[in-house]
Amino acid sequence: AANRPRVRLWDSRRERLVFSGPQQQASRLGNPLFNEVLVPMSRKDA
């Protein structure tokens, strides 16, 4: 799995992104091709 903070903001000078908040899982993988071929388009992100 890959997880990242839920909130992404530019700092006041717009020089860098600031990440905060609880971690949210952005992707996972077990068997090859599972999400790609077996999960319908409307539910892939979920």
All heavy atoms as atom14 arrays in JSON, in Angstrom:
{
  "sequence": "AANRPRVRLWDSRRERLVFSGPQQQASRLGNPLFNEVLVPMSRKDA",
  "atom14_mask": [
    [1, 1, 1, 1, 1, 0, 0, 0, 0, 0, 0, 0, 0, 0],
    [1, 1, 1, 1, 1, 0, 0, 0, 0, 0, 0, 0, 0, 0],
    [1, 1, 1, 1, 1, 1, 1, 1, 0, 0, 0, 0, 0, 0],
    [1, 1, 1, 1, 1, 1, 1, 1, 1, 1, 1, 0, 0, 0],
    [1, 1, 1, 1, 1, 1, 1, 0, 0, 0, 0, 0, 0, 0],
    [1, 1, 1, 1, 1, 1, 1, 1, 1, 1, 1, 0, 0, 0],
    [1, 1, 1, 1, 1, 1, 1, 0, 0, 0, 0, 0, 0, 0],
    [1, 1, 1, 1, 1, 1, 1, 1, 1, 1, 1, 0, 0, 0],
    [1, 1, 1, 1, 1, 1, 1, 1, 0, 0, 0, 0, 0, 0],
    [1, 1, 1, 1, 1, 1, 1, 1, 1, 1, 1, 1, 1, 1],
    [1, 1, 1, 1, 1, 1, 1, 1, 0, 0, 0, 0, 0, 0],
    [1, 1, 1, 1, 1, 1, 0, 0, 0, 0, 0, 0, 0, 0],
    [1, 1, 1, 1, 1, 1, 1, 1, 1, 1, 1, 0, 0, 0],
    [1, 1, 1, 1, 1, 1, 1, 1, 1, 1, 1, 0, 0, 0],
    [1, 1, 1, 1, 1, 1, 1, 1, 1, 0, 0, 0, 0, 0],
    [1, 1, 1, 1, 1, 1, 1, 1, 1, 1, 1, 0, 0, 0],
    [1, 1, 1, 1, 1, 1, 1, 1, 0, 0, 0, 0, 0, 0],
    [1, 1, 1, 1, 1, 1, 1, 0, 0, 0, 0, 0, 0, 0],
    [1, 1, 1, 1, 1, 1, 1, 1, 1, 1, 1, 0, 0, 0],
    [1, 1, 1, 1, 1, 1, 0, 0, 0, 0, 0, 0, 0, 0],
    [1, 1, 1, 1, 0, 0, 0, 0, 0, 0, 0, 0, 0, 0],
    [1, 1, 1, 1, 1, 1, 1, 0, 0, 0, 0, 0, 0, 0],
    [1, 1, 1, 1, 1, 1, 1, 1, 1, 0, 0, 0, 0, 0],
    [1, 1, 1, 1, 1, 1, 1, 1, 1, 0, 0, 0, 0, 0],
    [1, 1, 1, 1, 1, 1, 1, 1, 1, 0, 0, 0, 0, 0],
    [1, 1, 1, 1, 1, 0, 0, 0, 0, 0, 0, 0, 0, 0],
    [1, 1, 1, 1, 1, 1, 0, 0, 0, 0, 0, 0, 0, 0],
    [1, 1, 1, 1, 1, 1, 1, 1, 1, 1, 1, 0, 0, 0],
    [1, 1, 1, 1, 1, 1, 1, 1, 0, 0, 0, 0, 0, 0],
    [1, 1, 1, 1, 0, 0, 0, 0, 0, 0, 0, 0, 0, 0],
    [1, 1, 1, 1, 1, 1, 1, 1, 0, 0, 0, 0, 0, 0],
    [1, 1, 1, 1, 1, 1, 1, 0, 0, 0, 0, 0, 0, 0],
    [1, 1, 1, 1, 1, 1, 1, 1, 0, 0, 0, 0, 0, 0],
    [1, 1, 1, 1, 1, 1, 1, 1, 1, 1, 1, 0, 0, 0],
    [1, 1, 1, 1, 1, 1, 1, 1, 0, 0, 0, 0, 0, 0],
    [1, 1, 1, 1, 1, 1, 1, 1, 1, 0, 0, 0, 0, 0],
    [1, 1, 1, 1, 1, 1, 1, 0, 0, 0, 0, 0, 0, 0],
    [1, 1, 1, 1, 1, 1, 1, 1, 0, 0, 0, 0, 0, 0],
    [1, 1, 1, 1, 1, 1, 1, 0, 0, 0, 0, 0, 0, 0],
    [1, 1, 1, 1, 1, 1, 1, 0, 0, 0, 0, 0, 0, 0],
    [1, 1, 1, 1, 1, 1, 1, 1, 0, 0, 0, 0, 0, 0],
    [1, 1, 1, 1, 1, 1, 0, 0, 0, 0, 0, 0, 0, 0],
    [1, 1, 1, 1, 1, 1, 1, 1, 1, 1, 1, 0, 0, 0],
    [1, 1, 1, 1, 1, 1, 1, 1, 1, 0, 0, 0, 0, 0],
    [1, 1, 1, 1, 1, 1, 1, 1, 0, 0, 0, 0, 0, 0],
    [1, 1, 1, 1, 1, 0, 0, 0, 0, 0, 0, 0, 0, 0]
  ],
  "atom14_positions": [
    [[0.85, -1.19, 0.0], [0.0, 0.0, 0.0], [0.88, 1.24, 0.0], [2.05, 1.19, 0.4], [-0.93, 0.01, 1.22], [0.0, 0.0, 0.0], [0.0, 0.0, 0.0], [0.0, 0.0, 0.0], [0.0, 0.0, 0.0], [0.0, 0.0, 0.0], [0.0, 0.0, 0.0], [0.0, 0.0, 0.0], [0.0, 0.0, 0.0], [0.0, 0.0, 0.0]],
    [[0.32, 2.33, -0.47], [0.96, 3.64, -0.37], [-0.05, 4.59, 0.27], [-1.23, 4.6, -0.11], [1.37, 4.14, -1.75], [0.0, 0.0, 0.0], [0.0, 0.0, 0.0], [0.0, 0.0, 0.0], [0.0, 0.0, 0.0], [0.0, 0.0, 0.0], [0.0, 0.0, 0.0], [0.0, 0.0, 0.0], [0.0, 0.0, 0.0], [0.0, 0.0, 0.0]],
    [[0.42, 5.34, 1.24], [-0.45, 6.23, 2.01], [0.12, 7.64, 1.99], [1.34, 7.82, 2.03], [-0.55, 5.75, 3.46], [-0.75, 4.25, 3.58], [-1.87, 3.77, 3.62], [0.34, 3.49, 3.62], [0.0, 0.0, 0.0], [0.0, 0.0, 0.0], [0.0, 0.0, 0.0], [0.0, 0.0, 0.0], [0.0, 0.0, 0.0], [0.0, 0.0, 0.0]],
    [[-0.77, 8.64, 1.98], [-0.31, 10.01, 2.04], [-1.27, 10.85, 2.88], [-2.45, 10.48, 3.04], [-0.16, 10.62, 0.65], [-1.42, 10.66, -0.18], [-1.33, 11.66, -1.33], [-0.35, 11.37, -2.34], [0.8, 12.01, -2.47], [1.13, 12.95, -1.59], [1.62, 11.74, -3.45], [0.0, 0.0, 0.0], [0.0, 0.0, 0.0], [0.0, 0.0, 0.0]],
    [[-0.8, 11.98, 3.45], [-1.7, 12.83, 4.23], [-2.86, 13.33, 3.38], [-2.72, 13.56, 2.18], [-0.8, 13.99, 4.67], [0.59, 13.43, 4.62], [0.58, 12.46, 3.48], [0.0, 0.0, 0.0], [0.0, 0.0, 0.0], [0.0, 0.0, 0.0], [0.0, 0.0, 0.0], [0.0, 0.0, 0.0], [0.0, 0.0, 0.0], [0.0, 0.0, 0.0]],
    [[-4.0, 13.51, 4.02], [-5.21, 13.89, 3.3], [-5.19, 15.33, 2.79], [-5.84, 15.66, 1.8], [-6.43, 13.69, 4.19], [-6.75, 12.25, 4.49], [-8.05, 12.11, 5.24], [-8.37, 10.72, 5.5], [-9.48, 10.31, 6.08], [-10.38, 11.19, 6.46], [-9.7, 9.03, 6.29], [0.0, 0.0, 0.0], [0.0, 0.0, 0.0], [0.0, 0.0, 0.0]],
    [[-4.45, 16.21, 3.49], [-4.48, 17.63, 3.16], [-3.18, 18.04, 2.47], [-2.08, 17.73, 2.97], [-4.69, 18.49, 4.43], [-4.71, 19.98, 4.06], [-5.98, 18.08, 5.12], [0.0, 0.0, 0.0], [0.0, 0.0, 0.0], [0.0, 0.0, 0.0], [0.0, 0.0, 0.0], [0.0, 0.0, 0.0], [0.0, 0.0, 0.0], [0.0, 0.0, 0.0]],
    [[-3.3, 18.76, 1.35], [-2.14, 19.25, 0.62], [-2.36, 20.74, 0.34], [-3.35, 21.11, -0.31], [-1.94, 18.48, -0.68], [-0.74, 18.95, -1.48], [-0.49, 18.06, -2.67], [-1.55, 18.12, -3.65], [-1.5, 17.54, -4.86], [-0.43, 16.84, -5.18], [-2.49, 17.64, -5.7], [0.0, 0.0, 0.0], [0.0, 0.0, 0.0], [0.0, 0.0, 0.0]],
    [[-1.43, 21.58, 0.81], [-1.57, 23.03, 0.69], [-0.24, 23.65, 0.26], [0.83, 23.14, 0.58], [-1.98, 23.65, 2.03], [-3.31, 23.21, 2.64], [-3.4, 23.74, 4.08], [-4.49, 23.71, 1.82], [0.0, 0.0, 0.0], [0.0, 0.0, 0.0], [0.0, 0.0, 0.0], [0.0, 0.0, 0.0], [0.0, 0.0, 0.0], [0.0, 0.0, 0.0]],
    [[-0.32, 24.77, -0.47], [0.87, 25.56, -0.73], [1.17, 26.4, 0.5], [0.26, 26.89, 1.18], [0.64, 26.49, -1.93], [0.69, 25.82, -3.25], [-0.36, 25.45, -4.03], [1.87, 25.42, -3.96], [0.08, 24.84, -5.18], [1.46, 24.81, -5.15], [3.25, 25.51, -3.69], [2.35, 24.3, -6.09], [4.14, 25.0, -4.63], [3.69, 24.4, -5.81]],
    [[2.48, 26.62, 0.79], [2.81, 27.53, 1.88], [2.52, 28.97, 1.44], [2.16, 29.23, 0.29], [4.26, 27.35, 2.32], [5.27, 27.82, 1.29], [4.86, 28.25, 0.2], [6.48, 27.77, 1.58], [0.0, 0.0, 0.0], [0.0, 0.0, 0.0], [0.0, 0.0, 0.0], [0.0, 0.0, 0.0], [0.0, 0.0, 0.0], [0.0, 0.0, 0.0]],
    [[2.68, 29.92, 2.36], [2.26, 31.3, 2.1], [3.02, 31.93, 0.94], [2.5, 32.83, 0.26], [2.43, 32.14, 3.37], [3.78, 32.12, 3.8], [0.0, 0.0, 0.0], [0.0, 0.0, 0.0], [0.0, 0.0, 0.0], [0.0, 0.0, 0.0], [0.0, 0.0, 0.0], [0.0, 0.0, 0.0], [0.0, 0.0, 0.0], [0.0, 0.0, 0.0]],
    [[4.24, 31.48, 0.67], [5.02, 32.03, -0.44], [4.89, 31.21, -1.72], [5.54, 31.52, -2.72], [6.49, 32.1, -0.03], [6.76, 33.04, 1.14], [8.25, 33.08, 1.43], [8.54, 33.97, 2.55], [9.78, 34.22, 3.0], [10.82, 33.62, 2.42], [9.95, 35.02, 4.02], [0.0, 0.0, 0.0], [0.0, 0.0, 0.0], [0.0, 0.0, 0.0]],
    [[4.09, 30.17, -1.66], [3.92, 29.26, -2.79], [5.27, 28.7, -3.27], [5.5, 28.52, -4.47], [3.18, 29.95, -3.95], [1.71, 30.18, -3.65], [0.96, 30.67, -4.87], [0.93, 29.65, -5.93], [0.09, 28.62, -5.96], [-0.81, 28.46, -5.01], [0.13, 27.77, -6.96], [0.0, 0.0, 0.0], [0.0, 0.0, 0.0], [0.0, 0.0, 0.0]],
    [[6.13, 28.42, -2.32], [7.43, 27.86, -2.64], [7.44, 26.34, -2.51], [8.27, 25.66, -3.12], [8.51, 28.46, -1.73], [8.77, 29.94, -2.0], [9.83, 30.51, -1.08], [10.13, 29.84, -0.06], [10.36, 31.59, -1.37], [0.0, 0.0, 0.0], [0.0, 0.0, 0.0], [0.0, 0.0, 0.0], [0.0, 0.0, 0.0], [0.0, 0.0, 0.0]],
    [[6.55, 25.8, -1.69], [6.53, 24.34, -1.52], [5.15, 23.92, -1.04], [4.38, 24.71, -0.48], [7.59, 23.89, -0.52], [7.38, 24.39, 0.9], [8.56, 24.06, 1.79], [8.35, 24.52, 3.16], [7.84, 23.78, 4.13], [7.46, 22.53, 3.89], [7.68, 24.28, 5.34], [0.0, 0.0, 0.0], [0.0, 0.0, 0.0], [0.0, 0.0, 0.0]],
    [[4.87, 22.65, -1.28], [3.63, 22.07, -0.79], [3.8, 21.6, 0.64], [4.86, 21.08, 1.01], [3.21, 20.89, -1.68], [2.63, 21.26, -3.05], [2.55, 20.02, -3.92], [1.26, 21.89, -2.9], [0.0, 0.0, 0.0], [0.0, 0.0, 0.0], [0.0, 0.0, 0.0], [0.0, 0.0, 0.0], [0.0, 0.0, 0.0], [0.0, 0.0, 0.0]],
    [[2.76, 21.79, 1.43], [2.75, 21.34, 2.81], [1.67, 20.27, 2.97], [0.53, 20.47, 2.53], [2.48, 22.51, 3.77], [2.42, 22.02, 5.21], [3.55, 23.59, 3.61], [0.0, 0.0, 0.0], [0.0, 0.0, 0.0], [0.0, 0.0, 0.0], [0.0, 0.0, 0.0], [0.0, 0.0, 0.0], [0.0, 0.0, 0.0], [0.0, 0.0, 0.0]],
    [[2.04, 19.14, 3.56], [1.11, 18.03, 3.73], [0.8, 17.87, 5.21], [1.69, 17.95, 6.06], [1.71, 16.74, 3.18], [1.97, 16.78, 1.7], [3.15, 17.3, 1.2], [1.03, 16.31, 0.81], [3.39, 17.35, -0.15], [1.25, 16.35, -0.55], [2.44, 16.87, -1.04], [0.0, 0.0, 0.0], [0.0, 0.0, 0.0], [0.0, 0.0, 0.0]],
    [[-0.46, 17.64, 5.51], [-0.85, 17.47, 6.91], [-2.1, 16.61, 6.99], [-2.7, 16.26, 5.97], [-1.1, 18.84, 7.57], [-2.2, 19.48, 6.95], [0.0, 0.0, 0.0], [0.0, 0.0, 0.0], [0.0, 0.0, 0.0], [0.0, 0.0, 0.0], [0.0, 0.0, 0.0], [0.0, 0.0, 0.0], [0.0, 0.0, 0.0], [0.0, 0.0, 0.0]],
    [[-2.49, 16.3, 8.22], [-3.69, 15.51, 8.43], [-3.39, 14.02, 8.49], [-2.26, 13.58, 8.3], [0.0, 0.0, 0.0], [0.0, 0.0, 0.0], [0.0, 0.0, 0.0], [0.0, 0.0, 0.0], [0.0, 0.0, 0.0], [0.0, 0.0, 0.0], [0.0, 0.0, 0.0], [0.0, 0.0, 0.0], [0.0, 0.0, 0.0], [0.0, 0.0, 0.0]],
    [[-4.41, 13.22, 8.78], [-4.23, 11.76, 8.89], [-3.88, 11.14, 7.55], [-4.18, 11.69, 6.48], [-5.6, 11.28, 9.39], [-6.56, 12.35, 8.95], [-5.81, 13.63, 9.02], [0.0, 0.0, 0.0], [0.0, 0.0, 0.0], [0.0, 0.0, 0.0], [0.0, 0.0, 0.0], [0.0, 0.0, 0.0], [0.0, 0.0, 0.0], [0.0, 0.0, 0.0]],
    [[-3.23, 9.99, 7.62], [-2.85, 9.27, 6.4], [-4.08, 8.66, 5.72], [-4.98, 8.14, 6.39], [-1.86, 8.16, 6.75], [-0.49, 8.65, 7.2], [0.43, 8.96, 6.04], [0.25, 8.47, 4.94], [1.41, 9.8, 6.29], [0.0, 0.0, 0.0], [0.0, 0.0, 0.0], [0.0, 0.0, 0.0], [0.0, 0.0, 0.0], [0.0, 0.0, 0.0]],
    [[-4.09, 8.73, 4.41], [-5.13, 8.1, 3.6], [-4.46, 7.16, 2.62], [-3.52, 7.53, 1.92], [-5.92, 9.17, 2.84], [-6.9, 8.61, 1.8], [-8.02, 7.81, 2.43], [-8.72, 8.3, 3.31], [-8.21, 6.57, 1.98], [0.0, 0.0, 0.0], [0.0, 0.0, 0.0], [0.0, 0.0, 0.0], [0.0, 0.0, 0.0], [0.0, 0.0, 0.0]],
    [[-4.94, 5.93, 2.55], [-4.4, 4.96, 1.6], [-4.75, 5.39, 0.18], [-5.91, 5.59, -0.15], [-4.95, 3.57, 1.89], [-4.37, 2.48, 1.0], [-4.86, 1.1, 1.43], [-4.44, 0.6, 2.47], [-5.73, 0.51, 0.65], [0.0, 0.0, 0.0], [0.0, 0.0, 0.0], [0.0, 0.0, 0.0], [0.0, 0.0, 0.0], [0.0, 0.0, 0.0]],
    [[-3.71, 5.54, -0.66], [-3.92, 5.99, -2.03], [-3.92, 4.84, -3.03], [-4.52, 4.94, -4.11], [-2.84, 6.99, -2.42], [0.0, 0.0, 0.0], [0.0, 0.0, 0.0], [0.0, 0.0, 0.0], [0.0, 0.0, 0.0], [0.0, 0.0, 0.0], [0.0, 0.0, 0.0], [0.0, 0.0, 0.0], [0.0, 0.0, 0.0], [0.0, 0.0, 0.0]],
    [[-3.25, 3.74, -2.7], [-3.24, 2.58, -3.59], [-2.9, 1.34, -2.79], [-2.33, 1.42, -1.69], [-2.24, 2.76, -4.73], [-0.91, 2.69, -4.26], [0.0, 0.0, 0.0], [0.0, 0.0, 0.0], [0.0, 0.0, 0.0], [0.0, 0.0, 0.0], [0.0, 0.0, 0.0], [0.0, 0.0, 0.0], [0.0, 0.0, 0.0], [0.0, 0.0, 0.0]],
    [[-3.24, 0.19, -3.34], [-2.83, -1.09, -2.76], [-2.71, -2.1, -3.88], [-3.21, -1.89, -5.0], [-3.81, -1.58, -1.7], [-5.21, -1.95, -2.19], [-6.01, -2.58, -1.05], [-7.42, -2.64, -1.29], [-8.11, -3.77, -1.47], [-7.48, -4.94, -1.47], [-9.42, -3.75, -1.63], [0.0, 0.0, 0.0], [0.0, 0.0, 0.0], [0.0, 0.0, 0.0]],
    [[-2.07, -3.22, -3.57], [-1.86, -4.24, -4.61], [-1.59, -5.59, -3.96], [-0.77, -5.71, -3.05], [-0.66, -3.86, -5.49], [-0.26, -4.85, -6.57], [-1.4, -5.05, -7.57], [0.97, -4.36, -7.3], [0.0, 0.0, 0.0], [0.0, 0.0, 0.0], [0.0, 0.0, 0.0], [0.0, 0.0, 0.0], [0.0, 0.0, 0.0], [0.0, 0.0, 0.0]],
    [[-2.31, -6.59, -4.42], [-2.07, -7.97, -4.02], [-1.77, -8.79, -5.26], [-0.64, -8.84, -5.75], [0.0, 0.0, 0.0], [0.0, 0.0, 0.0], [0.0, 0.0, 0.0], [0.0, 0.0, 0.0], [0.0, 0.0, 0.0], [0.0, 0.0, 0.0], [0.0, 0.0, 0.0], [0.0, 0.0, 0.0], [0.0, 0.0, 0.0], [0.0, 0.0, 0.0]],
    [[-2.81, -9.43, -5.82], [-2.64, -10.18, -7.05], [-2.48, -9.25, -8.25], [-3.12, -8.2, -8.3], [-3.85, -11.09, -7.29], [-3.84, -12.31, -6.39], [-3.01, -13.19, -6.54], [-4.77, -12.35, -5.44], [0.0, 0.0, 0.0], [0.0, 0.0, 0.0], [0.0, 0.0, 0.0], [0.0, 0.0, 0.0], [0.0, 0.0, 0.0], [0.0, 0.0, 0.0]],
    [[-1.65, -9.62, -9.22], [-1.52, -8.79, -10.41], [-2.83, -8.71, -11.17], [-3.6, -9.67, -11.24], [-0.45, -9.52, -11.23], [-0.47, -10.94, -10.74], [-0.82, -10.84, -9.28], [0.0, 0.0, 0.0], [0.0, 0.0, 0.0], [0.0, 0.0, 0.0], [0.0, 0.0, 0.0], [0.0, 0.0, 0.0], [0.0, 0.0, 0.0], [0.0, 0.0, 0.0]],
    [[-3.11, -7.53, -11.7], [-4.25, -7.26, -12.59], [-5.6, -7.21, -11.89], [-6.62, -7.04, -12.56], [-4.29, -8.3, -13.73], [-3.05, -8.39, -14.6], [-3.11, -9.63, -15.5], [-2.87, -7.14, -15.44], [0.0, 0.0, 0.0], [0.0, 0.0, 0.0], [0.0, 0.0, 0.0], [0.0, 0.0, 0.0], [0.0, 0.0, 0.0], [0.0, 0.0, 0.0]],
    [[-5.64, -7.35, -10.57], [-6.94, -7.44, -9.9], [-7.76, -6.17, -10.1], [-8.85, -6.19, -10.66], [-6.75, -7.74, -8.41], [-8.02, -8.1, -7.69], [-8.34, -9.42, -7.47], [-8.9, -7.12, -7.24], [-9.52, -9.77, -6.8], [-10.07, -7.45, -6.58], [-10.39, -8.78, -6.37], [0.0, 0.0, 0.0], [0.0, 0.0, 0.0], [0.0, 0.0, 0.0]],
    [[-7.25, -5.04, -9.64], [-8.0, -3.79, -9.77], [-8.12, -3.38, -11.24], [-9.14, -2.87, -11.68], [-7.31, -2.66, -8.98], [-8.19, -1.44, -8.82], [-9.39, -1.47, -9.07], [-7.58, -0.34, -8.39], [0.0, 0.0, 0.0], [0.0, 0.0, 0.0], [0.0, 0.0, 0.0], [0.0, 0.0, 0.0], [0.0, 0.0, 0.0], [0.0, 0.0, 0.0]],
    [[-7.08, -3.65, -11.99], [-7.05, -3.2, -13.38], [-8.12, -3.87, -14.24], [-8.74, -3.22, -15.07], [-5.67, -3.5, -13.96], [-5.39, -2.75, -15.23], [-3.92, -2.43, -15.34], [-3.11, -3.29, -14.96], [-3.57, -1.35, -15.78], [0.0, 0.0, 0.0], [0.0, 0.0, 0.0], [0.0, 0.0, 0.0], [0.0, 0.0, 0.0], [0.0, 0.0, 0.0]],
    [[-8.32, -5.17, -14.04], [-9.17, -5.94, -14.96], [-10.49, -6.36, -14.33], [-11.48, -6.53, -15.04], [-8.4, -7.19, -15.46], [-9.28, -8.07, -16.33], [-7.16, -6.76, -16.24], [0.0, 0.0, 0.0], [0.0, 0.0, 0.0], [0.0, 0.0, 0.0], [0.0, 0.0, 0.0], [0.0, 0.0, 0.0], [0.0, 0.0, 0.0], [0.0, 0.0, 0.0]],
    [[-10.54, -6.53, -13.01], [-11.72, -7.12, -12.39], [-12.62, -6.13, -11.67], [-13.78, -6.44, -11.39], [-11.29, -8.23, -11.42], [-10.5, -9.38, -12.04], [-10.03, -10.35, -10.97], [-11.31, -10.11, -13.1], [0.0, 0.0, 0.0], [0.0, 0.0, 0.0], [0.0, 0.0, 0.0], [0.0, 0.0, 0.0], [0.0, 0.0, 0.0], [0.0, 0.0, 0.0]],
    [[-12.11, -4.96, -11.33], [-12.9, -3.96, -10.62], [-13.43, -2.94, -11.63], [-12.66, -2.42, -12.43], [-12.06, -3.24, -9.55], [-12.87, -2.16, -8.84], [-11.54, -4.26, -8.53], [0.0, 0.0, 0.0], [0.0, 0.0, 0.0], [0.0, 0.0, 0.0], [0.0, 0.0, 0.0], [0.0, 0.0, 0.0], [0.0, 0.0, 0.0], [0.0, 0.0, 0.0]],
    [[-14.74, -2.65, -11.62], [-15.29, -1.72, -12.61], [-14.74, -0.3, -12.42], [-14.35, 0.09, -11.32], [-16.8, -1.78, -12.36], [-16.95, -2.33, -10.99], [-15.78, -3.22, -10.75], [0.0, 0.0, 0.0], [0.0, 0.0, 0.0], [0.0, 0.0, 0.0], [0.0, 0.0, 0.0], [0.0, 0.0, 0.0], [0.0, 0.0, 0.0], [0.0, 0.0, 0.0]],
    [[-14.72, 0.46, -13.51], [-14.13, 1.8, -13.53], [-14.66, 2.69, -12.4], [-13.91, 3.43, -11.76], [-14.39, 2.45, -14.88], [-13.79, 3.84, -15.04], [-11.99, 3.84, -15.06], [-11.7, 3.13, -16.7], [0.0, 0.0, 0.0], [0.0, 0.0, 0.0], [0.0, 0.0, 0.0], [0.0, 0.0, 0.0], [0.0, 0.0, 0.0], [0.0, 0.0, 0.0]],
    [[-15.94, 2.62, -12.14], [-16.56, 3.51, -11.16], [-16.14, 3.21, -9.73], [-16.36, 4.02, -8.83], [-18.08, 3.43, -11.26], [-18.53, 2.11, -10.96], [0.0, 0.0, 0.0], [0.0, 0.0, 0.0], [0.0, 0.0, 0.0], [0.0, 0.0, 0.0], [0.0, 0.0, 0.0], [0.0, 0.0, 0.0], [0.0, 0.0, 0.0], [0.0, 0.0, 0.0]],
    [[-15.5, 2.04, -9.49], [-15.16, 1.64, -8.13], [-13.66, 1.46, -7.91], [-13.23, 1.07, -6.82], [-15.9, 0.34, -7.78], [-17.42, 0.42, -7.95], [-18.1, -0.85, -7.53], [-18.05, -1.02, -6.09], [-18.39, -2.15, -5.46], [-18.79, -3.21, -6.17], [-18.33, -2.24, -4.15], [0.0, 0.0, 0.0], [0.0, 0.0, 0.0], [0.0, 0.0, 0.0]],
    [[-12.85, 1.73, -8.92], [-11.41, 1.51, -8.8], [-10.76, 2.35, -7.7], [-9.92, 1.87, -6.95], [-10.73, 1.78, -10.15], [-11.0, 0.73, -11.21], [-10.3, 1.07, -12.5], [-10.54, 0.02, -13.57], [-9.92, -1.27, -13.24], [0.0, 0.0, 0.0], [0.0, 0.0, 0.0], [0.0, 0.0, 0.0], [0.0, 0.0, 0.0], [0.0, 0.0, 0.0]],
    [[-11.13, 3.63, -7.63], [-10.53, 4.49, -6.6], [-10.96, 4.06, -5.21], [-10.16, 4.08, -4.26], [-10.92, 5.95, -6.86], [-10.29, 6.49, -8.13], [-9.13, 6.16, -8.41], [-10.97, 7.23, -8.86], [0.0, 0.0, 0.0], [0.0, 0.0, 0.0], [0.0, 0.0, 0.0], [0.0, 0.0, 0.0], [0.0, 0.0, 0.0], [0.0, 0.0, 0.0]],
    [[-12.23, 3.66, -5.05], [-12.71, 3.19, -3.76], [-11.98, 1.92, -3.35], [-11.63, 1.73, -2.17], [-14.22, 2.96, -3.8], [0.0, 0.0, 0.0], [0.0, 0.0, 0.0], [0.0, 0.0, 0.0], [0.0, 0.0, 0.0], [0.0, 0.0, 0.0], [0.0, 0.0, 0.0], [0.0, 0.0, 0.0], [0.0, 0.0, 0.0], [0.0, 0.0, 0.0]]
  ]
}
